Amino acid sequence: MYELAKKALNIAEKAGAEEAEIYYVSNHSTSVNFKKDALESAKDRFSEGIGVRAIVNGAVGFASTNSAKDLENTIKIAVAEARVRENDPDWVALPSNGKYPTVAGIFDKKIEAMKLEECIGYAMELVEGTKEVPGTLPTSGSFTRGKSRQLILNTNGVEIEEESTAVSGFVDVITVNGETSTAYDFDVSRSLGIDFRALGKHASELAISSGNGITIEAQKTNVVFHPFAFSDILEAAFAPSLDADNVQKGRSGLIGKLGEELAAPELSIYDDGLVEAGIETSASDDEGVPSQRTDVLEKGVLKGYLYDSYTAGKEGVKSTGNAARGSYTSPPAVGLRNFIIDYPQTDLIADTDSGVFVNTVIGAHTANSISGDFSVEARNAFTIKDGALDKPIKSLMISGNAFDLLKNITGAGTDVRKVGGFISPSIRVSDMSVIG
């Protein structure tokens, strides 16, 4: 594929492109799904494709294909699109070749070598784990493993190729005796180190303990958010305001606030493409800029935004290595890498006299990404009394503002979890509005 990509760059230049980029990605994934306690489907999937960016007179054209035989025509389409588009005065250049860091923990040969039968076995471990807790039934779940290969070449000297692997497990559980309650658990890893049986067992234990919930009065109180819940809220209500494209287009709640103290003084947040075994770790971003750590909040103070090459060029700053692509069929845009929440950790529940604990939330996607306002339904929530989880809560709504939430953080647990690219412990926030 490397030789084909080099040839493609030559074709693009001969076709009139002043700059060109070839982005190739191939994926091999195996997914095993189950309904109740029976296997529903098991599929092996292979896919590959190429995205081409071509620049002519400051205008960018893009085209993609899933066939190497069609690559020359795809390049010509990208160049033709660039020719008919208006010049973009904000375009500077594609990235130039850089010094790429060494990253660790993103490829596991055991995952690469897995057979379909092994994948089915891990899915069934999820099911067997739920059976260790009487009175529950798995409603659905899945095991997924994947291997990917990525190659980026451009006419400015970028040449970066990388392979990675990942596995994940998900299980959703319902109780079958008495009042119905549900729960789920999920984990993802770059290596084959997840205890899938324990994952199923924990989901069942959570479903059982969530039954026969009480109703609580509307109040302002401490809320301890499990990493699942906290990550969902931050991803929807806070992270978009760090996107330099949103800042530049007036769609961010953080415009003009660099250097201001916006959060609890013990809170730091950073975006890091170099974390060992991180789900979003790689030597470069998705347009070939070397990965780095970028401080977003340092001891409560806003330190910076996240940039790809285009948004960085508009401001005359360096890219932070945050170009991301959904697939080869789309050009890059600003995206998160490993988004890490850093706050001094303690035995959080034991250190909380009263409040509520929330495992997951529903509705975070409806948050206002500019103002930071959100209103979510809490699931698998419990009251906290005298430093311990007390009673399950039948129904609970939580409303607030992401920027206020960051100011009111008063504690973090030791239970750090990877939730996709988010890496966070449980977080305690004071003075939250809850409605039973």
Protein backbone atom coordinates (compact mmCIF):
# COMPACT_ATOMS: atom_id res chain seq x y z
CA MET A 1 0.00 0.00 0.00
CA TYR A 2 2.92 2.37 0.68
CA GLU A 3 4.13 2.20 -2.92
CA LEU A 4 0.58 2.74 -4.18
CA ALA A 5 0.19 5.79 -1.94
CA LYS A 6 3.50 7.25 -3.18
CA LYS A 7 2.36 6.71 -6.74
CA ALA A 8 -0.95 8.40 -5.91
CA LEU A 9 0.84 11.54 -4.71
CA ASN A 10 2.72 11.74 -8.02
CA ILE A 11 -0.55 11.37 -9.92
CA ALA A 12 -2.10 14.18 -7.87
CA GLU A 13 0.80 16.54 -8.59
CA LYS A 14 0.69 15.74 -12.28
CA ALA A 15 -3.07 16.42 -12.23
CA GLY A 16 -2.40 19.94 -10.93
CA ALA A 17 -2.52 19.64 -7.14
CA GLU A 18 -0.13 21.98 -5.37
CA GLU A 19 -0.44 19.80 -2.26
CA ALA A 20 -1.96 16.38 -1.79
CA GLU A 21 -2.60 13.89 1.00
CA ILE A 22 -3.34 10.17 0.95
CA TYR A 23 -5.09 8.68 4.00
CA TYR A 24 -5.41 4.91 3.97
CA VAL A 25 -7.04 2.79 6.66
CA SER A 26 -7.89 -0.91 6.87
CA ASN A 27 -9.92 -2.59 9.60
CA HIS A 28 -10.54 -6.18 10.58
CA SER A 29 -13.20 -6.51 13.26
CA THR A 30 -15.03 -9.41 14.85
CA SER A 31 -18.29 -8.79 16.67
CA VAL A 32 -20.30 -11.32 18.65
CA ASN A 33 -23.77 -10.32 19.84
CA PHE A 34 -26.15 -12.10 22.18
CA LYS A 35 -29.80 -11.67 23.17
CA LYS A 36 -30.88 -12.91 26.58
CA ASP A 37 -28.44 -15.76 27.22
CA ALA A 38 -28.19 -17.04 23.64
CA LEU A 39 -25.85 -16.19 20.81
CA GLU A 40 -27.54 -13.97 18.21
CA SER A 41 -24.81 -13.29 15.65
CA ALA A 42 -21.08 -13.54 15.07
CA LYS A 43 -19.48 -11.64 12.22
CA ASP A 44 -16.01 -11.11 10.81
CA ARG A 45 -15.66 -7.87 8.85
CA PHE A 46 -12.89 -6.51 6.67
CA SER A 47 -12.86 -2.99 5.27
CA GLU A 48 -10.35 -0.64 3.75
CA GLY A 49 -10.44 2.67 1.97
CA ILE A 50 -8.52 5.73 0.88
CA GLY A 51 -9.31 9.41 1.36
CA VAL A 52 -7.61 12.01 -0.84
CA ARG A 53 -7.20 15.71 -0.16
CA ALA A 54 -5.98 17.91 -3.01
CA ILE A 55 -5.20 21.64 -2.78
CA VAL A 56 -5.28 24.00 -5.77
CA ASN A 57 -4.86 27.78 -5.30
CA GLY A 58 -5.80 27.55 -1.62
CA ALA A 59 -8.96 25.54 -2.29
CA VAL A 60 -9.35 22.04 -0.86
CA GLY A 61 -10.95 19.14 -2.70
CA PHE A 62 -11.71 15.76 -1.17
CA ALA A 63 -12.75 12.36 -2.50
CA SER A 64 -12.58 8.79 -1.27
CA THR A 65 -12.77 5.22 -2.52
CA ASN A 66 -12.75 1.68 -1.17
CA SER A 67 -11.06 0.30 -4.28
CA ALA A 68 -7.36 0.65 -5.10
CA LYS A 69 -8.28 0.23 -8.77
CA ASP A 70 -10.33 3.43 -8.59
CA LEU A 71 -7.61 5.48 -6.87
CA GLU A 72 -6.46 7.40 -9.95
CA ASN A 73 -10.02 8.48 -10.75
CA THR A 74 -10.59 9.42 -7.09
CA ILE A 75 -7.51 11.67 -7.19
CA LYS A 76 -8.76 13.38 -10.34
CA ILE A 77 -12.15 14.00 -8.65
CA ALA A 78 -10.45 15.57 -5.61
CA VAL A 79 -8.33 17.83 -7.85
CA ALA A 80 -11.35 18.78 -9.96
CA GLU A 81 -13.34 19.64 -6.83
CA ALA A 82 -10.52 21.87 -5.62
CA ARG A 83 -10.41 23.66 -8.99
CA VAL A 84 -14.10 24.61 -8.90
CA ARG A 85 -14.14 25.70 -5.25
CA GLU A 86 -13.37 29.23 -4.16
CA ASN A 87 -10.00 30.02 -2.66
CA ASP A 88 -10.00 29.68 1.13
CA PRO A 89 -8.01 32.62 2.55
CA ASP A 90 -7.56 30.72 5.82
CA TRP A 91 -5.83 27.74 4.23
CA VAL A 92 -2.11 27.61 5.09
CA ALA A 93 -0.71 24.18 4.25
CA LEU A 94 -0.88 20.48 4.89
CA PRO A 95 1.33 19.35 7.79
CA SER A 96 5.05 18.91 7.17
CA ASN A 97 7.06 15.89 8.23
CA GLY A 98 7.77 15.92 11.95
CA LYS A 99 9.58 13.90 14.60
CA TYR A 100 7.17 11.20 15.70
CA PRO A 101 7.12 9.98 19.29
CA THR A 102 7.23 6.34 20.30
CA VAL A 103 3.96 5.18 21.83
CA ALA A 104 3.35 1.99 23.80
CA GLY A 105 0.57 -0.45 24.51
CA ILE A 106 -1.62 0.05 21.43
CA PHE A 107 -0.98 -3.31 19.70
CA ASP A 108 -1.54 -6.79 21.12
CA LYS A 109 -0.52 -9.80 19.02
CA LYS A 110 -3.00 -11.96 20.95
CA ILE A 111 -5.87 -9.83 19.69
CA GLU A 112 -4.55 -9.91 16.14
CA ALA A 113 -4.36 -13.73 16.23
CA MET A 114 -7.81 -14.35 17.74
CA LYS A 115 -10.11 -16.78 15.99
CA LEU A 116 -13.88 -16.39 15.78
CA GLU A 117 -14.37 -19.23 18.26
CA GLU A 118 -12.32 -17.37 20.88
CA CYS A 119 -14.42 -14.24 20.38
CA ILE A 120 -17.59 -16.26 20.91
CA GLY A 121 -16.05 -17.67 24.08
CA TYR A 122 -15.42 -14.22 25.53
CA ALA A 123 -18.99 -13.15 24.70
CA MET A 124 -20.28 -16.19 26.55
CA GLU A 125 -18.10 -15.25 29.54
CA LEU A 126 -20.17 -12.06 29.80
CA VAL A 127 -23.31 -14.18 29.90
CA GLU A 128 -21.88 -16.63 32.43
CA GLY A 129 -20.87 -13.74 34.67
CA THR A 130 -24.47 -12.54 34.87
CA LYS A 131 -25.60 -16.03 35.92
CA GLU A 132 -23.46 -15.82 39.06
CA VAL A 133 -26.10 -13.43 40.44
CA PRO A 134 -29.51 -15.14 40.81
CA GLY A 135 -32.57 -13.18 39.73
CA THR A 136 -31.13 -11.49 36.65
CA LEU A 137 -31.11 -12.08 32.92
CA PRO A 138 -28.85 -10.50 30.29
CA THR A 139 -31.05 -8.72 27.74
CA SER A 140 -28.27 -8.01 25.27
CA GLY A 141 -24.54 -7.63 24.98
CA SER A 142 -21.54 -7.97 22.77
CA PHE A 143 -17.85 -8.71 22.48
CA THR A 144 -15.84 -6.89 19.82
CA ARG A 145 -12.25 -7.10 18.80
CA GLY A 146 -10.56 -5.04 16.12
CA LYS A 147 -7.26 -4.51 14.37
CA SER A 148 -6.56 -1.46 12.24
CA ARG A 149 -3.74 -0.19 10.05
CA GLN A 150 -3.37 3.46 9.10
CA LEU A 151 -1.07 5.11 6.57
CA ILE A 152 -0.75 8.86 5.95
CA LEU A 153 1.40 10.36 3.20
CA ASN A 154 1.45 13.90 1.82
CA THR A 155 3.49 16.01 -0.56
CA ASN A 156 5.10 17.92 2.34
CA GLY A 157 7.01 14.87 3.49
CA VAL A 158 4.62 13.29 5.99
CA GLU A 159 4.99 9.49 6.03
CA ILE A 160 3.50 7.71 9.03
CA GLU A 161 2.17 4.16 9.29
CA GLU A 162 0.78 2.47 12.40
CA GLU A 163 -1.13 -0.62 13.55
CA SER A 164 -3.36 -0.92 16.59
CA THR A 165 -5.76 -3.33 18.29
CA ALA A 166 -8.66 -3.10 20.73
CA VAL A 167 -11.26 -5.27 22.47
CA SER A 168 -14.46 -4.29 24.22
CA GLY A 169 -17.29 -5.94 26.10
CA PHE A 170 -20.80 -4.70 26.86
CA VAL A 171 -23.66 -6.33 28.76
CA ASP A 172 -27.15 -5.08 29.64
CA VAL A 173 -29.03 -6.85 32.44
CA ILE A 174 -32.60 -6.91 33.80
CA THR A 175 -33.98 -8.36 37.01
CA VAL A 176 -36.60 -11.10 36.69
CA ASN A 177 -38.07 -11.21 40.22
CA GLY A 178 -40.11 -8.44 41.86
CA GLU A 179 -39.80 -4.85 40.69
CA THR A 180 -37.93 -4.57 37.40
CA SER A 181 -34.56 -2.82 37.37
CA THR A 182 -31.81 -2.72 34.78
CA ALA A 183 -28.10 -1.99 34.61
CA TYR A 184 -25.17 -2.29 32.23
CA ASP A 185 -21.41 -2.43 32.30
CA PHE A 186 -18.81 -1.82 29.62
CA ASP A 187 -15.06 -1.90 29.22
CA VAL A 188 -12.57 -1.34 26.42
CA SER A 189 -8.87 -2.07 26.20
CA ARG A 190 -5.97 -2.12 23.76
CA SER A 191 -4.91 -5.51 25.11
CA LEU A 192 -6.64 -8.73 26.05
CA GLY A 193 -6.78 -7.93 29.76
CA ILE A 194 -10.50 -7.44 30.50
CA ASP A 195 -12.21 -9.81 32.94
CA PHE A 196 -15.40 -10.35 30.94
CA ARG A 197 -16.97 -12.69 33.50
CA ALA A 198 -16.51 -10.04 36.21
CA LEU A 199 -18.05 -7.47 33.87
CA GLY A 200 -21.23 -9.53 33.54
CA LYS A 201 -21.36 -10.24 37.26
CA HIS A 202 -21.02 -6.56 38.16
CA ALA A 203 -23.85 -5.56 35.81
CA SER A 204 -26.14 -8.12 37.49
CA GLU A 205 -25.14 -7.03 40.99
CA LEU A 206 -25.88 -3.42 40.07
CA ALA A 207 -29.31 -4.34 38.65
CA ILE A 208 -30.21 -6.26 41.83
CA SER A 209 -29.06 -3.48 44.16
CA SER A 210 -31.01 -0.88 42.14
CA GLY A 211 -34.39 -2.56 42.77
CA ASN A 212 -37.15 -1.31 45.09
CA GLY A 213 -35.97 2.28 44.85
CA ILE A 214 -37.19 5.16 46.98
CA THR A 215 -38.33 8.61 45.93
CA ILE A 216 -36.37 11.62 47.15
CA GLU A 217 -37.39 15.27 47.39
CA ALA A 218 -36.06 17.98 45.10
CA GLN A 219 -32.92 19.43 46.64
CA LYS A 220 -29.41 20.73 46.14
CA THR A 221 -26.87 18.22 47.31
CA ASN A 222 -23.55 16.49 46.65
CA VAL A 223 -23.62 14.29 43.56
CA VAL A 224 -20.95 11.68 42.98
CA PHE A 225 -20.76 10.85 39.28
CA HIS A 226 -19.38 7.46 38.20
CA PRO A 227 -16.86 7.84 35.32
CA PHE A 228 -19.59 6.74 32.87
CA ALA A 229 -21.90 9.56 33.92
CA PHE A 230 -19.25 12.25 34.31
CA SER A 231 -17.67 11.50 30.92
CA ASP A 232 -21.03 11.64 29.13
CA ILE A 233 -21.83 15.06 30.58
CA LEU A 234 -18.39 16.54 29.91
CA GLU A 235 -18.24 15.18 26.37
CA ALA A 236 -21.57 16.79 25.49
CA ALA A 237 -21.58 20.00 27.53
CA PHE A 238 -17.94 21.04 27.92
CA ALA A 239 -15.58 19.45 25.38
CA PRO A 240 -17.15 21.12 22.29
CA SER A 241 -16.18 24.53 23.68
CA LEU A 242 -12.49 23.51 23.51
CA ASP A 243 -12.71 22.85 19.77
CA ALA A 244 -10.82 25.70 18.08
CA ASP A 245 -13.22 25.57 15.13
CA ASN A 246 -16.13 26.29 17.49
CA VAL A 247 -14.14 29.06 19.17
CA GLN A 248 -13.33 30.67 15.83
CA LYS A 249 -16.97 30.49 14.69
CA GLY A 250 -18.43 31.89 17.93
CA ARG A 251 -19.92 28.57 19.05
CA SER A 252 -17.99 28.14 22.28
CA GLY A 253 -18.63 29.13 25.89
CA LEU A 254 -14.88 29.62 26.38
CA ILE A 255 -14.24 32.44 23.91
CA GLY A 256 -11.83 35.02 25.32
CA LYS A 257 -11.29 33.14 28.58
CA LEU A 258 -7.71 31.93 28.21
CA GLY A 259 -5.84 32.48 31.44
CA GLU A 260 -9.00 32.74 33.54
CA GLU A 261 -9.69 30.53 36.55
CA LEU A 262 -12.74 28.56 35.46
CA ALA A 263 -12.69 25.46 37.66
CA ALA A 264 -11.81 24.14 41.08
CA PRO A 265 -8.15 25.01 41.80
CA GLU A 266 -7.20 21.34 42.29
CA LEU A 267 -8.62 20.30 38.92
CA SER A 268 -6.48 19.80 35.83
CA ILE A 269 -7.63 18.44 32.48
CA TYR A 270 -5.35 17.53 29.63
CA ASP A 271 -5.67 15.98 26.20
CA ASP A 272 -2.91 13.47 25.53
CA GLY A 273 -2.29 11.35 22.45
CA LEU A 274 0.70 9.67 24.07
CA VAL A 275 -0.87 7.86 27.05
CA GLU A 276 0.34 4.27 27.27
CA ALA A 277 -2.40 1.93 26.02
CA GLY A 278 -4.84 4.82 25.58
CA ILE A 279 -7.82 4.20 23.33
CA GLU A 280 -6.95 7.35 21.34
CA THR A 281 -3.18 6.92 21.53
CA SER A 282 -1.09 6.97 18.35
CA ALA A 283 2.17 8.43 17.10
CA SER A 284 0.28 11.06 15.09
CA ASP A 285 -3.17 12.49 14.66
CA ASP A 286 -5.26 11.70 11.58
CA GLU A 287 -3.40 14.09 9.29
CA GLY A 288 0.14 13.23 10.36
CA VAL A 289 0.88 15.82 13.06
CA PRO A 290 2.97 14.26 15.86
CA SER A 291 0.92 13.46 18.96
CA GLN A 292 1.47 15.46 22.13
CA ARG A 293 0.02 16.32 25.53
CA THR A 294 -2.00 19.54 25.60
CA ASP A 295 -2.94 21.17 28.91
CA VAL A 296 -6.55 22.34 28.77
CA LEU A 297 -7.11 23.28 32.40
CA GLU A 298 -4.18 23.59 34.80
CA LYS A 299 -5.10 23.99 38.47
CA GLY A 300 -8.46 25.40 37.39
CA VAL A 301 -7.06 27.88 34.83
CA LEU A 302 -7.94 27.61 31.12
CA LYS A 303 -4.65 27.08 29.29
CA GLY A 304 -5.61 26.41 25.69
CA TYR A 305 -7.89 25.10 22.96
CA LEU A 306 -7.53 22.05 20.71
CA TYR A 307 -6.41 22.53 17.09
CA ASP A 308 -5.98 20.65 13.86
CA SER A 309 -3.76 22.10 11.11
CA TYR A 310 -6.51 24.17 9.51
CA THR A 311 -7.74 25.88 12.68
CA ALA A 312 -4.15 26.38 13.85
CA GLY A 313 -3.27 28.03 10.54
CA LYS A 314 -6.14 30.50 10.90
CA GLU A 315 -4.59 31.79 14.15
CA GLY A 316 -0.93 31.39 13.28
CA VAL A 317 -0.35 28.81 16.03
CA LYS A 318 0.85 25.19 16.03
CA SER A 319 -1.58 22.31 15.71
CA THR A 320 -2.07 20.44 18.97
CA GLY A 321 -2.34 17.16 17.07
CA ASN A 322 -6.12 16.93 17.36
CA ALA A 323 -7.15 16.15 13.80
CA ALA A 324 -9.61 13.25 13.81
CA ARG A 325 -11.60 11.39 11.17
CA GLY A 326 -14.71 9.30 11.49
CA SER A 327 -13.46 7.19 8.57
CA TYR A 328 -11.55 7.44 5.32
CA THR A 329 -14.72 8.90 3.73
CA SER A 330 -14.34 12.27 5.47
CA PRO A 331 -11.61 14.90 5.79
CA PRO A 332 -10.18 15.59 9.24
CA ALA A 333 -11.69 17.93 11.83
CA VAL A 334 -10.85 18.80 15.43
CA GLY A 335 -11.45 15.92 17.84
CA LEU A 336 -10.43 14.74 21.30
CA ARG A 337 -7.56 12.33 21.93
CA ASN A 338 -7.23 10.82 25.44
CA PHE A 339 -9.10 13.37 27.56
CA ILE A 340 -7.85 13.00 31.12
CA ILE A 341 -9.44 14.29 34.34
CA ASP A 342 -6.85 14.88 37.08
CA TYR A 343 -7.92 15.63 40.66
CA PRO A 344 -6.51 14.41 44.02
CA GLN A 345 -8.01 10.99 44.70
CA THR A 346 -9.50 9.62 47.92
CA ASP A 347 -11.98 6.95 49.06
CA LEU A 348 -14.69 9.19 47.69
CA ILE A 349 -17.87 7.56 49.01
CA ALA A 350 -16.36 7.14 52.49
CA ASP A 351 -15.46 10.83 52.43
CA THR A 352 -19.01 11.91 51.54
CA ASP A 353 -21.41 12.41 54.46
CA SER A 354 -24.54 12.77 52.34
CA GLY A 355 -25.65 13.09 48.74
CA VAL A 356 -26.40 10.83 45.78
CA PHE A 357 -24.29 8.52 43.63
CA VAL A 358 -25.08 8.20 39.92
CA ASN A 359 -23.75 5.38 37.73
CA THR A 360 -25.05 6.44 34.31
CA VAL A 361 -27.11 9.19 32.73
CA ILE A 362 -29.52 9.41 29.81
CA GLY A 363 -29.96 12.53 27.71
CA ALA A 364 -26.50 14.09 27.88
CA HIS A 365 -26.58 14.52 24.10
CA THR A 366 -29.31 17.17 24.52
CA ALA A 367 -26.93 19.48 26.42
CA ASN A 368 -26.29 22.98 25.08
CA SER A 369 -22.66 22.76 24.01
CA ILE A 370 -22.25 26.56 24.01
CA SER A 371 -23.84 27.52 27.33
CA GLY A 372 -22.97 24.21 29.01
CA ASP A 373 -26.50 23.72 30.34
CA PHE A 374 -27.67 20.12 30.73
CA SER A 375 -30.53 18.12 32.15
CA VAL A 376 -30.20 14.36 32.40
CA GLU A 377 -32.00 11.35 33.81
CA ALA A 378 -29.88 9.42 36.29
CA ARG A 379 -29.82 5.62 36.20
CA ASN A 380 -28.70 3.23 38.95
CA ALA A 381 -28.57 6.04 41.48
CA PHE A 382 -28.24 5.65 45.25
CA THR A 383 -28.41 7.89 48.28
CA ILE A 384 -25.20 8.36 50.24
CA LYS A 385 -25.44 8.39 54.02
CA ASP A 386 -22.58 8.58 56.53
CA GLY A 387 -19.94 7.62 54.00
CA ALA A 388 -21.71 4.63 52.42
CA LEU A 389 -24.19 3.88 49.66
CA ASP A 390 -27.60 3.63 51.34
CA LYS A 391 -30.81 3.22 49.33
CA PRO A 392 -31.51 2.95 45.59
CA ILE A 393 -33.37 5.88 44.05
CA LYS A 394 -36.35 5.07 41.87
CA SER A 395 -36.21 8.07 39.56
CA LEU A 396 -33.89 11.06 39.45
CA MET A 397 -33.32 14.08 37.21
CA ILE A 398 -30.16 16.17 37.49
CA SER A 399 -29.79 19.62 35.94
CA GLY A 400 -26.90 22.01 35.91
CA ASN A 401 -24.22 23.76 33.91
CA ALA A 402 -20.95 22.14 32.91
CA PHE A 403 -18.90 25.26 33.65
CA ASP A 404 -20.44 25.58 37.12
CA LEU A 405 -19.95 21.85 37.63
CA LEU A 406 -16.18 22.20 37.12
CA LYS A 407 -16.05 25.01 39.68
CA ASN A 408 -17.89 22.92 42.27
CA ILE A 409 -15.83 19.73 42.12
CA THR A 410 -14.84 18.75 45.65
CA GLY A 411 -13.46 15.23 45.29
CA ALA A 412 -12.37 12.34 43.06
CA GLY A 413 -12.29 8.60 43.62
CA THR A 414 -9.63 6.01 42.91
CA ASP A 415 -11.82 4.15 40.37
CA VAL A 416 -10.29 5.53 37.17
CA ARG A 417 -11.99 4.15 34.05
CA LYS A 418 -11.42 4.47 30.31
CA VAL A 419 -14.70 5.52 28.73
CA GLY A 420 -13.65 5.63 25.11
CA GLY A 421 -11.09 8.42 24.97
CA PHE A 422 -12.14 9.81 28.35
CA ILE A 423 -10.04 8.75 31.34
CA SER A 424 -11.70 9.77 34.59
CA PRO A 425 -12.34 8.71 38.18
CA SER A 426 -15.68 9.19 39.91
CA ILE A 427 -16.15 12.90 40.62
CA ARG A 428 -18.02 14.62 43.47
CA VAL A 429 -19.78 17.89 42.73
CA SER A 430 -21.41 20.04 45.41
CA ASP A 431 -24.66 22.00 45.22
CA MET A 432 -26.22 20.07 42.34
CA SER A 433 -29.95 20.33 41.64
CA VAL A 434 -31.68 16.95 41.81
CA ILE A 435 -35.37 16.18 41.40
CA GLY A 436 -36.83 12.86 42.49
